[in-house]
Amino acid sequence: MRRRSGLALALTAFLVTGCYHQVVHTGATPAPGNAVVKKTAGIFFFGLTSAEVNTTADCPSGVAVIETQQTFLNGLVSVLTLFIYTPRTVTITCAAGEDSAPDAPVFTIATNASTAEAETAARRAFELARRSNEPVILRYLR
C-alpha cells in the first residue's frame, strides 16, 4: 500500500510539472548576432503577483522576441514549494534598433516638451508617413 501511495505521488508530481512554451514576436527586427538575454521570472501565490523582467539595460533598442517557458525543473520547484513560487525561464532577443529603417526621417520630442509641441511633432510625423507611405521615426528623448 505504501509503495502505491509513493508511486501515485510521484506520478502526480510528474504530471503537474508539465512544460509549456510561448513565443511573442513584437514585429521588430532582431539584432544581428542574436543578442539574447536569459532571465528567470517568478510567479508567487498562484499568480497573484509576478516578477517584472526589465530589459532596458540589456536591450536599449527594444525587444524583438520574448520566449517564456516552464521547464520540467521549473515545474518541480513549483510542486516542491506547493505553488507558492513558480519560476519561468524568459529568453529575450533584442531588437536591431535604428538600423531597421536607416533612411527614415526622425522626429524628436524632448522630455521637457509641452503637450502642444509633442502633438505637433507627432502630427508632422504622421502626416509625412501618410503622404510618403514610408516609415518615419518618432523618438522620445529621456
Protein backbone atom coordinates (compact mmCIF):
# COMPACT_ATOMS: atom_id res chain seq x y z
CA MET A 1 0.00 0.00 0.00
CA ARG A 2 2.82 2.35 0.87
CA ARG A 3 4.56 1.67 -2.39
CA ARG A 4 1.42 2.51 -4.38
CA SER A 5 0.98 5.76 -2.49
CA GLY A 6 4.56 6.74 -3.25
CA LEU A 7 4.13 5.81 -6.91
CA ALA A 8 0.87 7.77 -7.11
CA LEU A 9 2.53 10.80 -5.53
CA ALA A 10 5.48 10.60 -7.94
CA LEU A 11 3.15 10.25 -10.93
CA THR A 12 1.06 13.22 -9.76
CA ALA A 13 4.17 15.35 -9.30
CA PHE A 14 5.35 14.39 -12.79
CA LEU A 15 2.01 15.22 -14.41
CA VAL A 16 1.61 18.52 -12.56
CA THR A 17 5.04 19.71 -13.67
CA GLY A 18 4.02 19.86 -17.31
CA CYS A 19 6.08 22.00 -19.64
CA TYR A 20 4.85 24.81 -21.86
CA HIS A 21 6.40 27.21 -24.32
CA GLN A 22 5.13 30.61 -25.51
CA VAL A 23 6.75 32.90 -28.11
CA VAL A 24 5.77 36.53 -28.75
CA HIS A 25 7.11 38.38 -31.80
CA THR A 26 6.89 42.17 -31.41
CA GLY A 27 7.43 42.90 -35.10
CA ALA A 28 10.84 44.50 -34.54
CA THR A 29 13.87 43.24 -36.45
CA PRO A 30 16.12 41.01 -34.28
CA ALA A 31 19.61 42.36 -33.61
CA PRO A 32 22.47 40.87 -35.63
CA GLY A 33 24.35 38.21 -33.74
CA ASN A 34 21.19 37.21 -31.86
CA ALA A 35 21.63 39.43 -28.80
CA VAL A 36 19.85 37.17 -26.31
CA VAL A 37 19.17 37.73 -22.63
CA LYS A 38 18.05 34.86 -20.38
CA LYS A 39 16.30 35.60 -17.12
CA THR A 40 14.17 33.81 -14.58
CA ALA A 41 10.86 35.35 -13.61
CA GLY A 42 8.93 34.15 -10.63
CA ILE A 43 5.21 33.98 -10.08
CA PHE A 44 4.07 33.99 -6.48
CA PHE A 45 0.93 32.81 -4.71
CA PHE A 46 -0.81 31.07 -7.62
CA GLY A 47 -0.31 34.00 -9.99
CA LEU A 48 -1.45 36.81 -7.69
CA THR A 49 1.92 38.56 -8.05
CA SER A 50 4.73 38.16 -10.53
CA ALA A 51 8.25 39.40 -11.07
CA GLU A 52 8.91 42.04 -13.71
CA VAL A 53 11.60 41.36 -16.28
CA ASN A 54 13.32 44.66 -17.09
CA THR A 55 15.37 44.61 -20.29
CA THR A 56 16.04 48.33 -20.64
CA ALA A 57 19.75 48.00 -19.83
CA ASP A 58 20.23 44.78 -21.83
CA CYS A 59 18.23 45.82 -24.92
CA PRO A 60 18.42 49.63 -25.35
CA SER A 61 16.82 49.43 -28.81
CA GLY A 62 13.86 47.39 -27.63
CA VAL A 63 12.79 43.78 -27.81
CA ALA A 64 12.16 41.68 -30.94
CA VAL A 65 11.16 38.29 -29.47
CA ILE A 66 10.04 37.21 -25.99
CA GLU A 67 10.07 33.50 -25.26
CA THR A 68 8.58 32.21 -22.00
CA GLN A 69 8.74 28.60 -20.91
CA GLN A 70 8.23 26.39 -17.93
CA THR A 71 10.78 23.62 -17.93
CA PHE A 72 10.47 20.38 -16.03
CA LEU A 73 12.78 21.76 -13.33
CA ASN A 74 10.66 24.94 -13.07
CA GLY A 75 7.60 22.74 -12.57
CA LEU A 76 9.38 20.62 -10.00
CA VAL A 77 10.27 23.73 -7.98
CA SER A 78 6.61 24.76 -8.19
CA VAL A 79 5.48 21.43 -6.75
CA LEU A 80 8.12 21.48 -4.00
CA THR A 81 7.02 24.96 -2.90
CA LEU A 82 3.32 24.00 -3.16
CA PHE A 83 2.93 26.54 -6.00
CA ILE A 84 3.76 29.45 -3.72
CA TYR A 85 6.71 30.16 -6.04
CA THR A 86 6.56 29.20 -9.72
CA PRO A 87 9.65 30.10 -11.78
CA ARG A 88 9.54 30.75 -15.52
CA THR A 89 12.51 30.93 -17.89
CA VAL A 90 12.34 34.02 -20.11
CA THR A 91 14.56 34.36 -23.19
CA ILE A 92 14.62 37.78 -24.84
CA THR A 93 16.02 38.60 -28.28
CA CYS A 94 16.94 42.27 -28.57
CA ALA A 95 15.79 44.44 -31.47
CA ALA A 96 18.16 45.83 -34.07
CA GLY A 97 17.35 49.45 -33.29
CA GLU A 98 17.56 52.30 -35.74
CA ASP A 99 19.16 50.19 -38.47
CA SER A 100 15.76 48.69 -39.27
CA ALA A 101 14.85 51.95 -41.12
CA PRO A 102 18.17 53.76 -41.65
CA ASP A 103 16.90 56.32 -44.17
CA ALA A 104 13.68 57.19 -42.36
CA PRO A 105 13.19 60.82 -41.26
CA VAL A 106 13.41 61.31 -37.49
CA PHE A 107 11.07 63.49 -35.44
CA THR A 108 12.24 64.12 -31.88
CA ILE A 109 10.21 65.03 -28.82
CA ALA A 110 12.20 66.27 -25.83
CA THR A 111 11.27 65.19 -22.31
CA ASN A 112 10.55 68.78 -21.33
CA ALA A 113 8.39 69.46 -24.42
CA SER A 114 4.93 70.86 -23.81
CA THR A 115 1.86 68.90 -24.80
CA ALA A 116 1.34 71.17 -27.81
CA GLU A 117 4.94 70.67 -29.00
CA ALA A 118 4.66 66.89 -28.63
CA GLU A 119 1.35 66.83 -30.51
CA THR A 120 2.79 68.99 -33.31
CA ALA A 121 5.81 66.71 -33.77
CA ALA A 122 3.64 63.60 -33.73
CA ARG A 123 1.19 65.13 -36.21
CA ARG A 124 4.03 66.13 -38.58
CA ALA A 125 5.49 62.61 -38.41
CA PHE A 126 2.09 61.04 -39.05
CA GLU A 127 1.34 63.31 -42.00
CA LEU A 128 4.73 62.63 -43.62
CA ALA A 129 4.29 58.87 -43.20
CA ARG A 130 0.78 59.03 -44.66
CA ARG A 131 1.82 61.15 -47.66
CA SER A 132 5.01 59.27 -48.49
CA ASN A 133 3.78 55.80 -47.48
CA GLU A 134 7.22 55.28 -45.94
CA PRO A 135 8.28 54.74 -42.32
CA VAL A 136 9.22 57.62 -40.05
CA ILE A 137 10.86 57.51 -36.63
CA LEU A 138 9.28 59.35 -33.72
CA ARG A 139 11.88 59.47 -30.95
CA TYR A 140 11.13 60.45 -27.36
CA LEU A 141 14.25 61.62 -25.56
CA ARG A 142 14.76 60.52 -21.97
